[in-house]
């Protein structure tokens, strides 16, 4: 009997998860809380990424790096492979973008923001770097693993190509 109740509960949970919830009055309180939490976190992540864009576009690499976990365990994956550490990542940015002409104007376009767990968010998107003085535009895609560390959302893994 207990197994039947558990199976029915799992089936109901699966149906709710697959069909979504169309109205607030139909949603169980747990799903409403998750939706509200996600909207709040999604907005916070977008604000942080906007701050990163602003910092980059005024030539402030340290300000741009405020979005990253300040740790030796930060992972950055780019065309040169895997790099560890906040300091190493900043040094690589400084080497690749030595001045504001090289930095150009950065824009992010988030294509997907998905809450993986209560303290993990995956962001997938496109970046574009317009460099008018150099006459070129660079662009690519990113996947960012954001985690809540010491009460703050930070990028712990950046895979940009």
N, C-alpha and C. Protein backbone atom coordinates (compact mmCIF):
# COMPACT_ATOMS: atom_id res chain seq x y z
N UNK A 1 0.82 -1.19 0.00
CA UNK A 1 0.00 0.00 0.00
C UNK A 1 0.86 1.26 0.00
N UNK A 2 1.92 1.28 0.83
CA UNK A 2 2.80 2.44 0.88
C UNK A 2 3.47 2.68 -0.47
N UNK A 3 3.83 1.61 -1.16
CA UNK A 3 4.47 1.73 -2.46
C UNK A 3 3.52 2.38 -3.45
N UNK A 4 2.25 2.02 -3.43
CA UNK A 4 1.26 2.60 -4.35
C UNK A 4 1.13 4.10 -4.09
N UNK A 5 1.08 4.51 -2.84
CA UNK A 5 0.97 5.93 -2.50
C UNK A 5 2.20 6.69 -3.00
N UNK A 6 3.39 6.12 -2.79
CA UNK A 6 4.62 6.76 -3.25
C UNK A 6 4.61 6.88 -4.77
N UNK A 7 4.21 5.82 -5.46
CA UNK A 7 4.18 5.85 -6.93
C UNK A 7 3.19 6.88 -7.44
N UNK A 8 2.01 6.98 -6.80
CA UNK A 8 1.02 7.98 -7.21
C UNK A 8 1.55 9.39 -6.97
N UNK A 9 2.25 9.59 -5.87
CA UNK A 9 2.83 10.91 -5.57
C UNK A 9 3.89 11.27 -6.59
N UNK A 10 4.74 10.31 -6.94
CA UNK A 10 5.76 10.55 -7.95
C UNK A 10 5.13 10.85 -9.31
N UNK A 11 4.09 10.12 -9.65
CA UNK A 11 3.40 10.34 -10.93
C UNK A 11 2.82 11.75 -10.98
N UNK A 12 2.18 12.19 -9.89
CA UNK A 12 1.61 13.53 -9.84
C UNK A 12 2.71 14.58 -9.95
N UNK A 13 3.80 14.38 -9.24
CA UNK A 13 4.91 15.34 -9.30
C UNK A 13 5.48 15.42 -10.71
N UNK A 14 5.59 14.27 -11.38
CA UNK A 14 6.09 14.23 -12.75
C UNK A 14 5.15 14.99 -13.69
N UNK A 15 3.86 14.75 -13.56
CA UNK A 15 2.89 15.46 -14.39
C UNK A 15 2.96 16.96 -14.18
N UNK A 16 3.04 17.39 -12.94
CA UNK A 16 3.14 18.83 -12.65
C UNK A 16 4.41 19.40 -13.25
N UNK A 17 5.50 18.67 -13.15
CA UNK A 17 6.77 19.14 -13.68
C UNK A 17 6.77 19.21 -15.19
N UNK A 18 6.14 18.24 -15.86
CA UNK A 18 6.13 18.19 -17.32
C UNK A 18 5.14 19.18 -17.92
N UNK A 19 4.00 19.33 -17.30
CA UNK A 19 2.96 20.18 -17.86
C UNK A 19 3.11 21.63 -17.46
N UNK A 20 3.92 21.92 -16.48
CA UNK A 20 4.07 23.30 -16.02
C UNK A 20 2.87 23.70 -15.20
N UNK A 21 2.91 24.89 -14.71
CA UNK A 21 1.82 25.42 -13.91
C UNK A 21 1.38 26.70 -14.58
N UNK A 22 0.09 26.76 -14.96
CA UNK A 22 -0.39 27.89 -15.72
C UNK A 22 -0.86 29.06 -14.87
N UNK A 23 -1.32 28.79 -13.68
CA UNK A 23 -1.78 29.90 -12.87
C UNK A 23 -1.31 29.74 -11.44
N UNK A 24 -1.17 30.86 -10.78
CA UNK A 24 -0.69 30.84 -9.41
C UNK A 24 -1.64 30.10 -8.49
N UNK A 25 -2.95 30.16 -8.77
CA UNK A 25 -3.89 29.50 -7.86
C UNK A 25 -3.82 27.98 -7.97
N UNK A 26 -3.38 27.46 -9.13
CA UNK A 26 -3.28 26.01 -9.31
C UNK A 26 -1.97 25.44 -8.78
N UNK A 27 -0.97 26.29 -8.57
CA UNK A 27 0.36 25.82 -8.23
C UNK A 27 0.47 25.49 -6.75
N UNK A 28 1.07 24.33 -6.46
CA UNK A 28 1.37 24.02 -5.06
C UNK A 28 2.34 25.07 -4.51
N UNK A 29 2.28 25.38 -3.21
CA UNK A 29 3.15 26.41 -2.63
C UNK A 29 4.63 26.18 -2.89
N UNK A 30 5.08 24.93 -2.92
CA UNK A 30 6.50 24.64 -3.15
C UNK A 30 6.91 25.11 -4.54
N UNK A 31 6.06 24.85 -5.56
CA UNK A 31 6.39 25.28 -6.91
C UNK A 31 6.36 26.79 -7.02
N UNK A 32 5.40 27.44 -6.36
CA UNK A 32 5.35 28.90 -6.38
C UNK A 32 6.62 29.50 -5.78
N UNK A 33 7.09 28.95 -4.68
CA UNK A 33 8.31 29.46 -4.04
C UNK A 33 9.50 29.28 -4.97
N UNK A 34 9.61 28.13 -5.63
CA UNK A 34 10.72 27.90 -6.55
C UNK A 34 10.67 28.90 -7.70
N UNK A 35 9.45 29.17 -8.22
CA UNK A 35 9.31 30.12 -9.33
C UNK A 35 9.73 31.52 -8.88
N UNK A 36 9.28 31.95 -7.72
CA UNK A 36 9.64 33.27 -7.19
C UNK A 36 11.14 33.35 -6.95
N UNK A 37 11.71 32.33 -6.31
CA UNK A 37 13.15 32.30 -6.06
C UNK A 37 13.92 32.38 -7.37
N UNK A 38 13.50 31.60 -8.38
CA UNK A 38 14.20 31.59 -9.65
C UNK A 38 14.14 32.96 -10.31
N UNK A 39 12.95 33.59 -10.32
CA UNK A 39 12.82 34.91 -10.94
C UNK A 39 13.73 35.92 -10.24
N UNK A 40 13.81 35.82 -8.93
CA UNK A 40 14.67 36.71 -8.15
C UNK A 40 16.14 36.46 -8.51
N UNK A 41 16.55 35.20 -8.57
CA UNK A 41 17.94 34.85 -8.89
C UNK A 41 18.27 35.22 -10.34
N UNK A 42 17.33 34.96 -11.24
CA UNK A 42 17.54 35.29 -12.65
C UNK A 42 17.79 36.79 -12.80
N UNK A 43 16.99 37.60 -12.13
CA UNK A 43 17.15 39.04 -12.18
C UNK A 43 18.51 39.47 -11.61
N UNK A 44 18.91 38.85 -10.52
CA UNK A 44 20.20 39.17 -9.90
C UNK A 44 21.36 38.82 -10.83
N UNK A 45 21.29 37.66 -11.47
CA UNK A 45 22.35 37.24 -12.40
C UNK A 45 22.44 38.23 -13.56
N UNK A 46 21.28 38.61 -14.10
CA UNK A 46 21.28 39.57 -15.21
C UNK A 46 21.86 40.91 -14.78
N UNK A 47 21.57 41.36 -13.56
CA UNK A 47 22.14 42.61 -13.05
C UNK A 47 23.66 42.49 -12.94
N UNK A 48 24.12 41.36 -12.43
CA UNK A 48 25.57 41.17 -12.29
C UNK A 48 26.25 41.16 -13.66
N UNK A 49 25.62 40.52 -14.64
CA UNK A 49 26.21 40.48 -15.97
C UNK A 49 26.17 41.88 -16.62
N UNK A 50 25.14 42.65 -16.35
CA UNK A 50 25.09 44.03 -16.84
C UNK A 50 26.23 44.85 -16.22
N UNK A 51 26.48 44.63 -14.94
CA UNK A 51 27.59 45.32 -14.26
C UNK A 51 28.93 44.91 -14.88
N UNK A 52 29.05 43.64 -15.25
CA UNK A 52 30.28 43.19 -15.89
C UNK A 52 30.45 43.89 -17.25
N UNK A 53 29.39 43.95 -18.03
CA UNK A 53 29.44 44.67 -19.31
C UNK A 53 29.90 46.11 -19.10
N UNK A 54 29.26 46.79 -18.14
CA UNK A 54 29.58 48.19 -17.86
C UNK A 54 31.05 48.36 -17.48
N UNK A 55 31.54 47.48 -16.60
CA UNK A 55 32.94 47.56 -16.17
C UNK A 55 33.87 47.36 -17.37
N UNK A 56 33.59 46.34 -18.17
CA UNK A 56 34.42 46.06 -19.34
C UNK A 56 34.43 47.27 -20.27
N UNK A 57 33.26 47.83 -20.53
CA UNK A 57 33.13 48.92 -21.51
C UNK A 57 33.75 50.23 -21.03
N UNK A 58 34.06 50.34 -19.75
CA UNK A 58 34.81 51.51 -19.28
C UNK A 58 36.28 51.17 -19.03
N UNK A 59 36.70 49.96 -19.45
CA UNK A 59 38.10 49.57 -19.36
C UNK A 59 38.53 49.07 -17.99
N UNK A 60 37.59 48.64 -17.17
CA UNK A 60 37.86 48.22 -15.79
C UNK A 60 37.82 46.70 -15.68
N UNK A 61 38.96 46.06 -15.94
CA UNK A 61 39.01 44.59 -15.90
C UNK A 61 38.80 44.04 -14.49
N UNK A 62 39.33 44.73 -13.48
CA UNK A 62 39.12 44.27 -12.10
C UNK A 62 37.63 44.32 -11.75
N UNK A 63 36.95 45.38 -12.17
CA UNK A 63 35.50 45.49 -11.96
C UNK A 63 34.75 44.39 -12.69
N UNK A 64 35.20 44.07 -13.91
CA UNK A 64 34.60 42.98 -14.68
C UNK A 64 34.75 41.66 -13.93
N UNK A 65 35.90 41.47 -13.30
CA UNK A 65 36.18 40.22 -12.59
C UNK A 65 35.39 40.09 -11.29
N UNK A 66 34.72 41.15 -10.84
CA UNK A 66 33.89 41.06 -9.63
C UNK A 66 32.80 40.02 -9.77
N UNK A 67 32.43 39.67 -10.99
CA UNK A 67 31.42 38.65 -11.20
C UNK A 67 31.93 37.24 -10.98
N UNK A 68 33.24 37.09 -10.89
CA UNK A 68 33.86 35.77 -10.76
C UNK A 68 34.17 35.45 -9.30
N UNK A 69 34.20 34.16 -9.01
CA UNK A 69 34.60 33.66 -7.70
C UNK A 69 36.08 33.98 -7.51
N UNK A 70 36.41 34.74 -6.49
CA UNK A 70 37.81 35.11 -6.24
C UNK A 70 38.47 33.95 -5.50
N UNK A 71 38.90 32.96 -6.29
CA UNK A 71 39.43 31.72 -5.74
C UNK A 71 40.40 31.09 -6.73
N UNK A 72 41.34 30.33 -6.20
CA UNK A 72 42.24 29.54 -7.05
C UNK A 72 41.50 28.41 -7.74
N UNK A 73 40.28 28.12 -7.30
CA UNK A 73 39.49 27.04 -7.88
C UNK A 73 38.59 27.49 -9.03
N UNK A 74 38.55 28.80 -9.32
CA UNK A 74 37.81 29.28 -10.48
C UNK A 74 38.34 28.57 -11.72
N UNK A 75 37.42 28.14 -12.60
CA UNK A 75 37.82 27.48 -13.85
C UNK A 75 37.38 28.34 -15.03
N UNK A 76 38.30 28.58 -15.96
CA UNK A 76 38.00 29.31 -17.19
C UNK A 76 38.45 28.44 -18.35
N UNK A 77 37.52 28.15 -19.26
CA UNK A 77 37.85 27.34 -20.42
C UNK A 77 37.66 28.21 -21.65
N UNK A 78 38.74 28.40 -22.39
CA UNK A 78 38.71 29.21 -23.61
C UNK A 78 39.47 28.50 -24.71
N UNK A 79 39.86 29.26 -25.73
CA UNK A 79 40.54 28.64 -26.87
C UNK A 79 41.88 28.02 -26.50
N UNK A 80 42.47 28.49 -25.41
CA UNK A 80 43.77 27.94 -24.97
C UNK A 80 43.62 26.78 -24.00
N UNK A 81 42.38 26.41 -23.70
CA UNK A 81 42.18 25.29 -22.78
C UNK A 81 41.72 25.75 -21.40
N UNK A 82 41.94 24.91 -20.42
CA UNK A 82 41.48 25.15 -19.06
C UNK A 82 42.51 25.94 -18.27
N UNK A 83 42.03 26.98 -17.60
CA UNK A 83 42.85 27.80 -16.70
C UNK A 83 42.21 27.79 -15.33
N UNK A 84 43.01 27.74 -14.30
CA UNK A 84 42.52 27.79 -12.92
C UNK A 84 42.89 29.11 -12.28
N UNK A 85 41.97 29.64 -11.50
CA UNK A 85 42.28 30.76 -10.63
C UNK A 85 41.84 32.13 -11.11
N UNK A 86 41.39 32.93 -10.15
CA UNK A 86 40.95 34.30 -10.42
C UNK A 86 42.12 35.14 -10.90
N UNK A 87 43.25 35.06 -10.21
CA UNK A 87 44.41 35.89 -10.58
C UNK A 87 44.92 35.54 -11.98
N UNK A 88 44.98 34.26 -12.30
CA UNK A 88 45.44 33.83 -13.62
C UNK A 88 44.47 34.29 -14.70
N UNK A 89 43.17 34.20 -14.42
CA UNK A 89 42.16 34.64 -15.39
C UNK A 89 42.29 36.13 -15.64
N UNK A 90 42.45 36.92 -14.59
CA UNK A 90 42.64 38.37 -14.74
C UNK A 90 43.91 38.66 -15.54
N UNK A 91 45.00 37.98 -15.23
CA UNK A 91 46.26 38.18 -15.96
C UNK A 91 46.08 37.87 -17.44
N UNK A 92 45.35 36.81 -17.76
CA UNK A 92 45.10 36.46 -19.16
C UNK A 92 44.27 37.53 -19.87
N UNK A 93 43.26 38.06 -19.17
CA UNK A 93 42.47 39.16 -19.75
C UNK A 93 43.37 40.37 -20.02
N UNK A 94 44.21 40.71 -19.07
CA UNK A 94 45.09 41.87 -19.24
C UNK A 94 46.05 41.68 -20.40
N UNK A 95 46.52 40.45 -20.59
CA UNK A 95 47.44 40.16 -21.69
C UNK A 95 46.71 40.24 -23.04
N UNK A 96 45.50 39.69 -23.10
CA UNK A 96 44.74 39.67 -24.35
C UNK A 96 44.10 41.02 -24.68
N UNK A 97 43.81 41.81 -23.66
CA UNK A 97 43.12 43.09 -23.85
C UNK A 97 43.88 44.18 -23.08
N UNK A 98 45.05 44.60 -23.62
CA UNK A 98 45.93 45.51 -22.87
C UNK A 98 45.43 46.95 -22.73
N UNK A 99 44.46 47.35 -23.56
CA UNK A 99 43.96 48.72 -23.48
C UNK A 99 42.51 48.76 -23.93
N UNK A 100 41.91 49.94 -23.82
CA UNK A 100 40.47 50.06 -24.14
C UNK A 100 40.19 49.85 -25.63
N UNK A 101 41.16 50.13 -26.49
CA UNK A 101 40.95 49.85 -27.92
C UNK A 101 40.80 48.35 -28.15
N UNK A 102 41.66 47.57 -27.51
CA UNK A 102 41.59 46.11 -27.64
C UNK A 102 40.34 45.55 -26.97
N UNK A 103 39.89 46.23 -25.89
CA UNK A 103 38.70 45.76 -25.16
C UNK A 103 37.41 46.01 -25.93
N UNK A 104 37.35 47.11 -26.67
CA UNK A 104 36.16 47.41 -27.44
C UNK A 104 34.92 47.55 -26.58
N UNK A 105 33.77 47.21 -27.19
CA UNK A 105 32.48 47.29 -26.49
C UNK A 105 31.87 45.89 -26.42
N UNK A 106 31.68 45.40 -25.19
CA UNK A 106 31.19 44.05 -24.94
C UNK A 106 29.69 44.05 -24.71
N UNK A 107 29.01 43.09 -25.31
CA UNK A 107 27.59 42.87 -25.01
C UNK A 107 27.36 41.37 -24.81
N UNK A 108 26.48 41.08 -23.85
CA UNK A 108 26.05 39.72 -23.58
C UNK A 108 24.60 39.56 -24.04
N UNK A 109 24.29 38.38 -24.53
CA UNK A 109 22.91 38.03 -24.88
C UNK A 109 22.64 36.65 -24.28
N UNK A 110 21.98 36.64 -23.13
CA UNK A 110 21.68 35.37 -22.47
C UNK A 110 20.56 34.64 -23.21
N UNK A 111 20.85 33.43 -23.64
CA UNK A 111 19.87 32.62 -24.37
C UNK A 111 19.08 31.71 -23.44
N UNK A 112 19.72 31.30 -22.34
CA UNK A 112 19.10 30.37 -21.42
C UNK A 112 19.65 30.59 -20.02
N UNK A 113 18.75 30.68 -19.06
CA UNK A 113 19.14 30.75 -17.66
C UNK A 113 18.35 29.66 -16.95
N UNK A 114 19.06 28.71 -16.38
CA UNK A 114 18.41 27.54 -15.80
C UNK A 114 18.91 27.31 -14.37
N UNK A 115 17.97 27.20 -13.46
CA UNK A 115 18.33 26.91 -12.08
C UNK A 115 18.52 25.40 -11.95
N UNK A 116 19.74 24.98 -11.69
CA UNK A 116 20.08 23.57 -11.59
C UNK A 116 19.77 23.07 -10.18
N UNK A 117 20.06 23.90 -9.19
CA UNK A 117 19.83 23.58 -7.79
C UNK A 117 19.59 24.91 -7.08
N UNK A 118 19.30 24.88 -5.81
CA UNK A 118 19.01 26.12 -5.08
C UNK A 118 20.22 27.06 -5.03
N UNK A 119 21.41 26.53 -5.28
CA UNK A 119 22.60 27.39 -5.26
C UNK A 119 23.46 27.23 -6.51
N UNK A 120 22.85 26.77 -7.63
CA UNK A 120 23.57 26.61 -8.89
C UNK A 120 22.67 27.06 -10.05
N UNK A 121 23.19 27.97 -10.86
CA UNK A 121 22.47 28.45 -12.04
C UNK A 121 23.40 28.33 -13.24
N UNK A 122 22.86 27.81 -14.34
CA UNK A 122 23.61 27.69 -15.59
C UNK A 122 23.09 28.75 -16.56
N UNK A 123 24.01 29.56 -17.09
CA UNK A 123 23.65 30.58 -18.07
C UNK A 123 24.37 30.26 -19.37
N UNK A 124 23.61 30.22 -20.46
CA UNK A 124 24.17 29.99 -21.79
C UNK A 124 23.81 31.20 -22.63
N UNK A 125 24.79 31.70 -23.37
CA UNK A 125 24.50 32.88 -24.18
C UNK A 125 25.55 33.16 -25.23
N UNK A 126 25.39 34.34 -25.83
CA UNK A 126 26.32 34.80 -26.87
C UNK A 126 26.98 36.09 -26.38
N UNK A 127 28.24 36.26 -26.73
CA UNK A 127 28.94 37.50 -26.46
C UNK A 127 29.39 38.12 -27.77
N UNK A 128 29.50 39.44 -27.76
CA UNK A 128 30.00 40.15 -28.93
C UNK A 128 30.90 41.28 -28.45
N UNK A 129 32.01 41.42 -29.11
CA UNK A 129 32.99 42.44 -28.78
C UNK A 129 33.24 43.27 -30.04
N UNK A 130 32.65 44.47 -30.08
CA UNK A 130 32.82 45.37 -31.23
C UNK A 130 34.01 46.28 -30.95
N UNK A 131 34.99 46.24 -31.84
CA UNK A 131 36.19 47.05 -31.66
C UNK A 131 36.33 47.99 -32.86
N UNK A 132 35.70 49.15 -32.72
CA UNK A 132 35.67 50.12 -33.82
C UNK A 132 37.05 50.61 -34.21
N UNK A 133 37.90 50.90 -33.22
CA UNK A 133 39.22 51.45 -33.55
C UNK A 133 40.11 50.41 -34.24
N UNK A 134 39.86 49.14 -33.97
CA UNK A 134 40.62 48.08 -34.64
C UNK A 134 39.88 47.55 -35.87
N UNK A 135 38.63 47.98 -36.03
CA UNK A 135 37.86 47.63 -37.22
C UNK A 135 37.41 46.18 -37.29
N UNK A 136 37.20 45.55 -36.14
CA UNK A 136 36.72 44.16 -36.18
C UNK A 136 35.69 43.92 -35.08
N UNK A 137 35.03 42.80 -35.21
CA UNK A 137 34.06 42.37 -34.21
C UNK A 137 34.34 40.90 -33.91
N UNK A 138 34.51 40.62 -32.64
CA UNK A 138 34.71 39.24 -32.19
C UNK A 138 33.40 38.78 -31.57
N UNK A 139 33.10 37.51 -31.70
CA UNK A 139 31.89 36.98 -31.08
C UNK A 139 32.01 35.50 -30.83
N UNK A 140 31.17 35.03 -29.93
CA UNK A 140 31.18 33.62 -29.60
C UNK A 140 30.07 33.30 -28.61
N UNK A 141 30.20 32.18 -27.96
CA UNK A 141 29.19 31.71 -27.00
C UNK A 141 29.84 31.44 -25.65
N UNK A 142 29.01 31.37 -24.63
CA UNK A 142 29.50 31.07 -23.29
C UNK A 142 28.51 30.19 -22.56
N UNK A 143 29.05 29.42 -21.63
CA UNK A 143 28.23 28.78 -20.61
C UNK A 143 28.89 29.13 -19.28
N UNK A 144 28.08 29.66 -18.38
CA UNK A 144 28.57 30.13 -17.10
C UNK A 144 27.88 29.35 -15.99
N UNK A 145 28.67 28.77 -15.13
CA UNK A 145 28.14 28.08 -13.96
C UNK A 145 28.24 29.07 -12.81
N UNK A 146 27.09 29.59 -12.39
CA UNK A 146 27.02 30.51 -11.25
C UNK A 146 26.68 29.70 -10.01
N UNK A 147 27.36 29.99 -8.92
CA UNK A 147 27.05 29.34 -7.64
C UNK A 147 27.00 30.38 -6.55
N UNK A 148 26.23 30.06 -5.55
CA UNK A 148 26.15 30.93 -4.39
C UNK A 148 27.29 30.57 -3.45
N UNK A 149 28.20 31.51 -3.24
CA UNK A 149 29.36 31.33 -2.37
C UNK A 149 29.35 32.43 -1.33
N UNK A 150 29.32 32.05 -0.08
CA UNK A 150 29.31 33.01 1.03
C UNK A 150 28.20 34.05 0.85
N UNK A 151 27.03 33.59 0.40
CA UNK A 151 25.87 34.46 0.27
C UNK A 151 25.84 35.29 -1.00
N UNK A 152 26.80 35.12 -1.91
CA UNK A 152 26.86 35.92 -3.13
C UNK A 152 26.91 34.98 -4.35
N UNK A 153 26.22 35.38 -5.41
CA UNK A 153 26.26 34.61 -6.65
C UNK A 153 27.50 35.01 -7.44
N UNK A 154 28.33 34.03 -7.82
CA UNK A 154 29.55 34.26 -8.56
C UNK A 154 29.73 33.18 -9.64
N UNK A 155 30.48 33.51 -10.66
CA UNK A 155 30.81 32.54 -11.71
C UNK A 155 31.93 31.66 -11.18
N UNK A 156 31.71 30.34 -11.18
CA UNK A 156 32.75 29.41 -10.74
C UNK A 156 33.37 28.67 -11.93
N UNK A 157 32.62 28.59 -13.04
CA UNK A 157 33.14 28.00 -14.27
C UNK A 157 32.66 28.85 -15.44
N UNK A 158 33.59 29.28 -16.28
CA UNK A 158 33.27 30.06 -17.50
C UNK A 158 33.87 29.30 -18.68
N UNK A 159 33.01 28.88 -19.59
CA UNK A 159 33.46 28.25 -20.82
C UNK A 159 33.04 29.18 -21.95
N UNK A 160 34.00 29.90 -22.48
CA UNK A 160 33.73 30.87 -23.54
C UNK A 160 34.49 30.49 -24.79
N UNK A 161 33.80 30.53 -25.91
CA UNK A 161 34.47 30.20 -27.20
C UNK A 161 34.05 31.19 -28.26
